[in-house]
Amino acid sequence: MNVGRHKMKSNLVMLVFVNIAITIGAFFTTSLIGRILGPFEFGNLSYAVAIGSIIAANIRFGMDMTLLRDLVHFKERSKDILVASIFIRFYIFIFCTLILFTLNEYQIVHISFAQYLILTSTVLLAFQLNSYYDFIGLLKESSIQNLLYKFIYFSIIWLCSFLFELNIKLIGNIMLITLLIYLFIHYYRVHVITILKEVKYPITDIFFLLKENYIVWLTTMFVLMSYSVNQIVIDNVLSTFDLGIFASCYLFVSAILMFYKQVARVSKPLMAEYTNKKTILNKRYIYLYFLSMVGFGVLFAIPFLFFAESMLLYTFGKEYIIGVPVLNYFSLFIFLKAIEIFITQYFQYSRDYKTLLYTNASFGISTIVLTIYLLPIYGTAGAAIALSAGLGISLSILILLHILHKKGDNYV
């Protein structure tokens, strides 16, 4: 137990450092891009990222949330499970690519070549093997790889901003090239090619992962209704300019969510052991984890309420100040999100996917309905209100179902 705590503390220190470095780099680099492109072109960039995020979520098929658990619980089949996860991602990638080309051909969606570059870079991130790195004890190395990849990308963007006229096409090329180099190193370091040669076609494990993860995948898609689909709705109901304003505000939220996710990632191995019936872990760790997330939620909500105008002015410029109400409403969202991440992670590792599906369905559906209703009334701020309200609704349902479950009621 002491070894586990020491390892958790060591990983937390490392990941906090990496997270701070990446967040600072992303903040300044994205604000630079936003300043140069302006709200309209920044909205076009955000539109491509939103579509790419939807495709990437399909490719992951929920495995980014459960693969580490399966590797821990079925150690003797770890290589087979890893290979199966890669094949699943590849097949879904081909399928989604064909659908996207078809939709664009019939002009159901309108994506330029420059947007395709950005979209592809977002999609390929779904092929990361972070869970496998965690499983074999190389969490720190995967973090350093990610840090170096981001550092090179940020540096090239800044250099090009001084030497050339920065535009979406140039940004897309930089994103794609740096990502491909990163993925090559990422796969090479864990000898994926050798593993692929060793393992026979894992048809059994492919069906196992598909069966294990389809509810998690559905849950993820409902969540995407609240984020990526939400931004596509803004682009269609309001304008690309308004999407750029919303995206600039959501950058602050994304930075905080990145921090939340890194903290949750450190806790993945211990949460997996805690929810494994064969293992008993001191409950004080769980309480400490929960209280930490609540504290982070309060800490990060304060600037959104009192310093929103300064945040937008000094990061993006005067054109973006009209997004102040959006940031104000996001303060509630990031507080609730801190609590939701902890509770959701517990349910994921407890394999209670049906409860997560119900609550995330309520989150996605309520957010989209509220967004469509509120956008004409409150403008871009309506999307932030809808996100906060939708998360509040789903979190309330999640807690209620958990209480009923504890009492032994049959709520499914």
Protein backbone atom coordinates (compact mmCIF):
# COMPACT_ATOMS: atom_id res chain seq x y z
CA MET A 1 0.00 0.00 0.00
CA ASN A 2 2.86 2.38 0.86
CA VAL A 3 4.52 1.55 -2.46
CA GLY A 4 1.28 2.35 -4.26
CA ARG A 5 0.95 5.67 -2.48
CA HIS A 6 4.57 6.60 -3.19
CA LYS A 7 4.13 5.74 -6.86
CA MET A 8 0.90 7.74 -7.02
CA LYS A 9 2.62 10.76 -5.46
CA SER A 10 5.58 10.48 -7.85
CA ASN A 11 3.29 10.23 -10.87
CA LEU A 12 1.15 13.11 -9.65
CA VAL A 13 4.17 15.41 -9.33
CA MET A 14 5.37 14.46 -12.79
CA LEU A 15 1.97 14.85 -14.44
CA VAL A 16 1.23 18.14 -12.71
CA PHE A 17 4.50 19.51 -14.09
CA VAL A 18 3.73 18.20 -17.58
CA ASN A 19 0.17 19.50 -17.40
CA ILE A 20 1.26 22.98 -16.33
CA ALA A 21 3.84 23.14 -19.11
CA ILE A 22 1.39 21.98 -21.79
CA THR A 23 -1.39 24.22 -20.50
CA ILE A 24 0.82 27.30 -20.55
CA GLY A 25 2.07 26.47 -24.05
CA ALA A 26 -1.43 25.73 -25.35
CA PHE A 27 -2.82 28.88 -23.78
CA PHE A 28 -0.34 31.26 -25.31
CA THR A 29 -0.19 29.44 -28.65
CA THR A 30 -3.96 29.25 -29.07
CA SER A 31 -4.38 32.87 -28.04
CA LEU A 32 -1.77 33.78 -30.66
CA ILE A 33 -3.70 31.82 -33.28
CA GLY A 34 -6.97 33.45 -32.18
CA ARG A 35 -5.49 36.94 -32.31
CA ILE A 36 -4.03 36.43 -35.79
CA LEU A 37 -6.98 34.58 -37.34
CA GLY A 38 -9.78 36.60 -35.71
CA PRO A 39 -13.10 35.14 -34.47
CA PHE A 40 -14.38 34.06 -37.91
CA GLU A 41 -11.34 32.02 -39.01
CA PHE A 42 -10.85 30.79 -35.46
CA GLY A 43 -14.44 29.55 -35.69
CA ASN A 44 -13.58 27.65 -38.88
CA LEU A 45 -10.65 26.02 -37.12
CA SER A 46 -12.86 25.12 -34.15
CA TYR A 47 -15.48 23.64 -36.48
CA ALA A 48 -12.87 21.24 -37.91
CA VAL A 49 -11.69 20.27 -34.43
CA ALA A 50 -15.30 19.63 -33.35
CA ILE A 51 -15.95 17.23 -36.23
CA GLY A 52 -12.57 15.59 -35.68
CA SER A 53 -13.40 15.08 -31.99
CA ILE A 54 -16.62 13.28 -32.89
CA ILE A 55 -14.77 10.91 -35.23
CA ALA A 56 -11.96 10.39 -32.69
CA ALA A 57 -14.48 9.43 -30.00
CA ASN A 58 -15.93 6.81 -32.33
CA ILE A 59 -12.46 5.44 -33.07
CA ARG A 60 -11.60 5.14 -29.36
CA PHE A 61 -14.89 3.29 -28.84
CA GLY A 62 -14.69 4.01 -25.12
CA MET A 63 -11.40 2.10 -24.80
CA ASP A 64 -9.51 5.13 -23.52
CA MET A 65 -11.66 4.81 -20.38
CA THR A 66 -11.57 1.02 -19.93
CA LEU A 67 -8.48 -0.41 -21.64
CA LEU A 68 -6.24 0.00 -18.58
CA ARG A 69 -8.81 -1.80 -16.45
CA ASP A 70 -8.96 -4.71 -18.91
CA LEU A 71 -5.17 -4.90 -19.11
CA VAL A 72 -4.95 -5.00 -15.30
CA HIS A 73 -7.75 -7.54 -14.87
CA PHE A 74 -6.57 -9.83 -17.72
CA LYS A 75 -2.79 -9.55 -17.54
CA GLU A 76 -2.18 -12.88 -19.25
CA ARG A 77 -3.96 -11.58 -22.39
CA SER A 78 -2.56 -8.04 -22.28
CA LYS A 79 -0.79 -8.16 -25.67
CA ASP A 80 -3.80 -9.69 -27.38
CA ILE A 81 -6.06 -7.02 -25.90
CA LEU A 82 -3.67 -4.26 -27.01
CA VAL A 83 -3.56 -5.56 -30.59
CA ALA A 84 -7.34 -5.99 -30.64
CA SER A 85 -7.77 -2.37 -29.56
CA ILE A 86 -5.50 -1.18 -32.39
CA PHE A 87 -7.42 -3.19 -35.00
CA ILE A 88 -10.75 -1.85 -33.74
CA ARG A 89 -9.51 1.72 -33.99
CA PHE A 90 -8.18 1.16 -37.49
CA TYR A 91 -11.44 -0.36 -38.78
CA ILE A 92 -13.56 2.44 -37.31
CA PHE A 93 -11.14 5.02 -38.73
CA ILE A 94 -11.65 3.65 -42.26
CA PHE A 95 -15.43 3.52 -41.79
CA CYS A 96 -15.70 7.08 -40.45
CA THR A 97 -13.40 8.41 -43.19
CA LEU A 98 -15.64 6.97 -45.89
CA ILE A 99 -18.73 8.47 -44.25
CA LEU A 100 -17.08 11.89 -43.94
CA PHE A 101 -16.01 11.95 -47.59
CA THR A 102 -19.54 10.96 -48.60
CA LEU A 103 -21.14 13.70 -46.48
CA ASN A 104 -18.75 16.28 -47.88
CA GLU A 105 -19.32 15.08 -51.44
CA TYR A 106 -23.08 15.59 -51.08
CA GLN A 107 -22.42 18.93 -49.27
CA ILE A 108 -24.12 17.83 -46.08
CA VAL A 109 -21.00 19.13 -44.34
CA HIS A 110 -18.64 21.73 -45.80
CA ILE A 111 -15.00 21.08 -45.08
CA SER A 112 -12.10 22.74 -46.87
CA PHE A 113 -8.71 21.11 -47.48
CA ALA A 114 -7.19 23.17 -44.67
CA GLN A 115 -9.93 22.01 -42.31
CA TYR A 116 -9.27 18.40 -43.37
CA LEU A 117 -5.68 18.76 -42.17
CA ILE A 118 -6.81 19.96 -38.75
CA LEU A 119 -9.58 17.38 -38.60
CA THR A 120 -7.16 14.54 -39.43
CA SER A 121 -4.72 15.65 -36.75
CA THR A 122 -7.53 15.58 -34.19
CA VAL A 123 -8.68 12.15 -35.35
CA LEU A 124 -5.25 10.50 -35.24
CA LEU A 125 -4.85 11.36 -31.57
CA ALA A 126 -7.32 8.52 -30.97
CA PHE A 127 -4.46 6.08 -31.72
CA GLN A 128 -2.50 7.00 -28.59
CA LEU A 129 -1.54 4.07 -26.35
CA ASN A 130 -1.49 5.87 -23.00
CA SER A 131 -3.35 3.08 -21.20
CA TYR A 132 -0.75 0.53 -22.32
CA TYR A 133 2.07 2.83 -21.22
CA ASP A 134 0.39 3.11 -17.81
CA PHE A 135 -0.01 -0.68 -17.63
CA ILE A 136 3.67 -1.43 -18.25
CA GLY A 137 4.81 1.29 -15.85
CA LEU A 138 5.87 3.90 -18.41
CA LEU A 139 3.39 6.60 -17.47
CA LYS A 140 6.18 9.14 -16.99
CA GLU A 141 7.70 8.38 -20.38
CA SER A 142 4.37 8.79 -22.18
CA SER A 143 3.93 12.13 -20.42
CA ILE A 144 7.38 13.29 -21.52
CA GLN A 145 6.63 12.21 -25.10
CA ASN A 146 3.45 14.24 -25.05
CA LEU A 147 5.28 17.21 -23.57
CA LEU A 148 7.98 17.14 -26.27
CA TYR A 149 5.38 16.74 -29.02
CA LYS A 150 3.44 19.75 -27.78
CA PHE A 151 6.59 21.79 -27.25
CA ILE A 152 7.73 21.19 -30.85
CA TYR A 153 4.27 22.03 -32.20
CA PHE A 154 4.02 25.23 -30.16
CA SER A 155 7.55 26.31 -31.11
CA ILE A 156 6.93 25.85 -34.83
CA ILE A 157 3.65 27.80 -34.64
CA TRP A 158 5.37 30.70 -32.91
CA LEU A 159 8.29 30.65 -35.33
CA CYS A 160 5.97 30.60 -38.36
CA SER A 161 3.92 33.46 -36.92
CA PHE A 162 7.03 35.65 -37.19
CA LEU A 163 8.24 34.36 -40.55
CA PHE A 164 4.99 33.81 -42.47
CA GLU A 165 1.35 34.84 -42.53
CA LEU A 166 -0.29 32.31 -40.22
CA ASN A 167 -3.42 30.71 -41.68
CA ILE A 168 -5.51 27.58 -41.15
CA LYS A 169 -3.75 25.60 -43.89
CA LEU A 170 -0.31 26.26 -42.43
CA ILE A 171 -1.53 25.44 -38.94
CA GLY A 172 -3.06 22.19 -40.20
CA ASN A 173 0.18 21.11 -41.88
CA ILE A 174 2.18 21.80 -38.72
CA MET A 175 -0.34 19.90 -36.58
CA LEU A 176 -0.34 16.85 -38.84
CA ILE A 177 3.43 16.57 -39.38
CA THR A 178 4.33 16.96 -35.70
CA LEU A 179 1.61 14.48 -34.69
CA LEU A 180 2.79 11.81 -37.14
CA ILE A 181 6.34 12.08 -35.78
CA TYR A 182 5.00 11.81 -32.22
CA LEU A 183 2.88 8.73 -33.02
CA PHE A 184 5.82 7.01 -34.71
CA ILE A 185 7.96 7.41 -31.59
CA HIS A 186 4.97 6.57 -29.36
CA TYR A 187 4.47 3.20 -31.08
CA TYR A 188 8.17 2.46 -31.58
CA ARG A 189 9.02 2.81 -27.89
CA VAL A 190 6.66 0.00 -26.84
CA HIS A 191 7.58 -2.25 -29.79
CA VAL A 192 4.10 -2.32 -31.27
CA ILE A 193 5.31 -3.75 -34.60
CA THR A 194 6.97 -6.66 -32.78
CA ILE A 195 3.82 -7.26 -30.73
CA LEU A 196 1.67 -7.22 -33.88
CA LYS A 197 3.93 -9.91 -35.37
CA GLU A 198 3.82 -12.04 -32.23
CA VAL A 199 0.07 -11.98 -31.71
CA LYS A 200 -2.23 -13.89 -34.01
CA TYR A 201 -5.30 -12.05 -35.30
CA PRO A 202 -7.19 -11.57 -31.98
CA ILE A 203 -10.72 -12.05 -33.24
CA THR A 204 -11.92 -13.24 -29.82
CA ASP A 205 -10.50 -10.20 -28.05
CA ILE A 206 -11.90 -7.85 -30.70
CA PHE A 207 -15.39 -9.11 -29.99
CA PHE A 208 -14.64 -9.03 -26.26
CA LEU A 209 -13.67 -5.32 -26.39
CA LEU A 210 -16.59 -4.44 -28.64
CA LYS A 211 -18.99 -6.16 -26.24
CA GLU A 212 -17.34 -4.64 -23.16
CA ASN A 213 -17.22 -1.10 -24.53
CA TYR A 214 -20.32 -0.49 -26.61
CA ILE A 215 -22.22 1.06 -23.69
CA VAL A 216 -19.19 3.21 -22.82
CA TRP A 217 -19.04 4.27 -26.47
CA LEU A 218 -22.73 5.22 -26.47
CA THR A 219 -22.13 7.15 -23.25
CA THR A 220 -19.23 9.02 -24.87
CA MET A 221 -21.35 9.92 -27.88
CA PHE A 222 -24.01 11.42 -25.64
CA VAL A 223 -21.30 13.46 -23.90
CA LEU A 224 -20.09 14.69 -27.29
CA MET A 225 -23.58 16.04 -27.92
CA SER A 226 -22.76 18.48 -25.13
CA TYR A 227 -19.35 19.54 -26.47
CA SER A 228 -18.50 18.97 -30.12
CA VAL A 229 -22.06 18.75 -31.43
CA ASN A 230 -22.83 21.79 -29.29
CA GLN A 231 -20.25 23.79 -31.26
CA ILE A 232 -21.60 22.58 -34.60
CA VAL A 233 -25.05 23.77 -33.50
CA ILE A 234 -23.62 27.20 -32.69
CA ASP A 235 -22.08 27.39 -36.17
CA ASN A 236 -25.42 26.56 -37.80
CA VAL A 237 -27.85 28.45 -35.53
CA LEU A 238 -25.73 31.57 -35.04
CA SER A 239 -22.56 31.98 -37.13
CA THR A 240 -18.95 30.93 -37.53
CA PHE A 241 -17.97 34.22 -35.87
CA ASP A 242 -20.03 33.32 -32.78
CA LEU A 243 -18.43 29.87 -32.76
CA GLY A 244 -15.04 31.59 -32.67
CA ILE A 245 -16.13 33.62 -29.63
CA PHE A 246 -17.44 30.51 -27.88
CA ALA A 247 -14.29 28.54 -28.75
CA SER A 248 -12.07 31.25 -27.27
CA CYS A 249 -13.99 31.00 -23.99
CA TYR A 250 -14.00 27.23 -24.07
CA LEU A 251 -10.20 27.28 -24.34
CA PHE A 252 -10.09 28.28 -20.67
CA VAL A 253 -12.44 25.43 -19.81
CA SER A 254 -10.38 22.97 -21.86
CA ALA A 255 -7.21 23.94 -20.01
CA ILE A 256 -8.87 23.20 -16.68
CA LEU A 257 -10.40 19.96 -17.96
CA MET A 258 -6.92 18.91 -19.09
CA PHE A 259 -5.73 19.37 -15.53
CA TYR A 260 -8.71 17.41 -14.17
CA LYS A 261 -8.04 14.57 -16.58
CA GLN A 262 -4.36 14.37 -15.69
CA VAL A 263 -5.25 14.09 -12.02
CA ALA A 264 -7.82 11.43 -12.86
CA ARG A 265 -5.27 9.64 -15.01
CA VAL A 266 -2.87 9.33 -12.09
CA SER A 267 -5.72 7.79 -10.12
CA LYS A 268 -6.66 5.27 -12.81
CA PRO A 269 -4.46 2.39 -11.60
CA LEU A 270 -5.51 2.77 -7.97
CA MET A 271 -9.16 3.24 -8.90
CA ALA A 272 -8.92 0.07 -11.01
CA GLU A 273 -7.54 -1.80 -7.99
CA TYR A 274 -10.12 -0.24 -5.66
CA THR A 275 -13.01 -1.43 -7.83
CA ASN A 276 -11.47 -4.88 -8.29
CA LYS A 277 -13.20 -7.19 -5.81
CA LYS A 278 -9.95 -9.08 -5.28
CA THR A 279 -8.22 -6.01 -3.86
CA ILE A 280 -8.90 -3.86 -0.79
CA LEU A 281 -7.61 -0.29 -0.79
CA ASN A 282 -7.79 2.17 2.10
CA LYS A 283 -10.91 4.28 1.62
CA ARG A 284 -9.09 7.36 2.85
CA TYR A 285 -7.49 7.62 -0.59
CA ILE A 286 -10.92 7.86 -2.22
CA TYR A 287 -12.04 10.54 0.21
CA LEU A 288 -8.87 12.54 -0.35
CA TYR A 289 -9.29 12.26 -4.11
CA PHE A 290 -12.88 13.51 -3.93
CA LEU A 291 -12.07 16.46 -1.65
CA SER A 292 -9.17 17.42 -3.92
CA MET A 293 -11.46 17.56 -6.95
CA VAL A 294 -13.99 19.72 -5.07
CA GLY A 295 -11.20 22.07 -4.03
CA PHE A 296 -9.93 22.36 -7.61
CA GLY A 297 -13.49 23.13 -8.78
CA VAL A 298 -13.84 26.06 -6.36
CA LEU A 299 -10.35 27.35 -7.09
CA PHE A 300 -10.83 27.45 -10.86
CA ALA A 301 -14.38 28.88 -10.76
CA ILE A 302 -13.35 32.13 -9.05
CA PRO A 303 -11.44 33.74 -11.99
CA PHE A 304 -14.34 32.94 -14.34
CA LEU A 305 -16.66 35.02 -12.18
CA PHE A 306 -14.49 38.01 -11.35
CA PHE A 307 -11.78 38.30 -14.03
CA ALA A 308 -13.51 37.20 -17.23
CA GLU A 309 -12.95 40.45 -19.15
CA SER A 310 -9.24 40.58 -18.35
CA MET A 311 -8.84 36.91 -19.27
CA LEU A 312 -10.26 37.48 -22.75
CA LEU A 313 -8.62 40.85 -23.35
CA TYR A 314 -5.09 39.76 -22.53
CA THR A 315 -5.26 36.35 -24.19
CA PHE A 316 -7.30 36.96 -27.36
CA GLY A 317 -7.83 40.70 -27.75
CA LYS A 318 -10.66 43.25 -27.87
CA GLU A 319 -12.67 41.38 -30.54
CA TYR A 320 -13.33 38.60 -28.06
CA ILE A 321 -14.47 40.65 -25.04
CA ILE A 322 -18.11 40.09 -25.99
CA GLY A 323 -17.58 36.57 -24.65
CA VAL A 324 -17.44 37.73 -21.00
CA PRO A 325 -20.96 36.40 -20.15
CA VAL A 326 -19.94 33.04 -21.60
CA LEU A 327 -17.02 32.76 -19.19
CA ASN A 328 -19.23 33.82 -16.27
CA TYR A 329 -21.65 30.97 -16.90
CA PHE A 330 -18.79 28.51 -17.39
CA SER A 331 -17.76 29.02 -13.73
CA LEU A 332 -20.59 26.75 -12.60
CA PHE A 333 -19.76 24.21 -15.27
CA ILE A 334 -16.11 23.73 -14.26
CA PHE A 335 -17.08 23.37 -10.58
CA LEU A 336 -19.63 20.68 -11.37
CA LYS A 337 -17.25 19.01 -13.82
CA ALA A 338 -14.67 18.41 -11.08
CA ILE A 339 -17.22 16.43 -9.07
CA GLU A 340 -18.57 14.66 -12.14
CA ILE A 341 -15.14 13.38 -13.22
CA PHE A 342 -14.58 11.69 -9.85
CA ILE A 343 -18.03 10.07 -9.74
CA THR A 344 -17.91 9.00 -13.38
CA GLN A 345 -14.49 7.38 -12.97
CA TYR A 346 -15.80 5.35 -10.03
CA PHE A 347 -18.77 4.08 -12.03
CA GLN A 348 -16.56 3.27 -15.03
CA TYR A 349 -14.25 1.07 -13.02
CA SER A 350 -17.21 -0.49 -11.21
CA ARG A 351 -18.51 -1.51 -14.68
CA ASP A 352 -21.82 0.24 -13.97
CA TYR A 353 -22.10 1.40 -17.56
CA LYS A 354 -25.89 1.48 -17.70
CA THR A 355 -26.07 4.16 -15.03
CA LEU A 356 -23.45 6.19 -16.89
CA LEU A 357 -25.36 5.73 -20.12
CA TYR A 358 -28.60 7.02 -18.60
CA THR A 359 -27.00 10.05 -16.98
CA ASN A 360 -24.83 10.99 -19.96
CA ALA A 361 -27.81 10.58 -22.25
CA SER A 362 -29.65 13.09 -20.08
CA PHE A 363 -26.57 15.36 -20.22
CA GLY A 364 -26.26 15.24 -23.99
CA ILE A 365 -29.94 15.48 -24.85
CA SER A 366 -30.75 18.20 -22.32
CA THR A 367 -27.71 20.25 -23.36
CA ILE A 368 -28.53 20.12 -27.07
CA VAL A 369 -32.22 20.91 -26.47
CA LEU A 370 -31.34 23.80 -24.16
CA THR A 371 -28.67 25.06 -26.58
CA ILE A 372 -31.10 25.21 -29.49
CA TYR A 373 -33.66 26.95 -27.27
CA LEU A 374 -31.30 29.40 -25.56
CA LEU A 375 -29.03 30.44 -28.45
CA PRO A 376 -31.63 32.73 -30.12
CA ILE A 377 -32.36 34.33 -26.72
CA TYR A 378 -28.95 34.71 -25.08
CA GLY A 379 -26.63 34.32 -28.05
CA THR A 380 -23.33 32.51 -27.43
CA ALA A 381 -23.87 32.68 -23.66
CA GLY A 382 -26.88 30.41 -24.17
CA ALA A 383 -24.54 27.54 -25.04
CA ALA A 384 -22.61 27.99 -21.78
CA ILE A 385 -25.86 28.12 -19.79
CA ALA A 386 -27.03 24.96 -21.52
CA LEU A 387 -23.78 23.12 -20.74
CA SER A 388 -23.90 24.08 -17.07
CA ALA A 389 -27.58 23.21 -16.72
CA GLY A 390 -27.20 19.94 -18.63
CA LEU A 391 -24.29 18.86 -16.44
CA GLY A 392 -26.20 19.80 -13.30
CA ILE A 393 -29.17 17.69 -14.42
CA SER A 394 -27.05 14.64 -15.26
CA LEU A 395 -25.01 14.89 -12.05
CA SER A 396 -28.19 15.05 -9.98
CA ILE A 397 -29.55 11.97 -11.73
CA LEU A 398 -26.24 10.12 -11.26
CA ILE A 399 -26.16 10.81 -7.52
CA LEU A 400 -29.84 9.90 -7.15
CA LEU A 401 -29.40 6.58 -8.96
CA HIS A 402 -26.36 5.77 -6.83
CA ILE A 403 -28.33 6.44 -3.63
CA LEU A 404 -31.20 4.26 -4.84
CA HIS A 405 -28.73 1.54 -5.78
CA LYS A 406 -27.19 1.66 -2.29
CA LYS A 407 -30.65 1.19 -0.83
CA GLY A 408 -31.18 -1.85 -3.01
CA ASP A 409 -33.94 -0.38 -5.17
CA ASN A 410 -34.39 -1.75 -8.66
CA TYR A 411 -34.01 1.38 -10.75
CA VAL A 412 -32.78 -0.19 -14.00
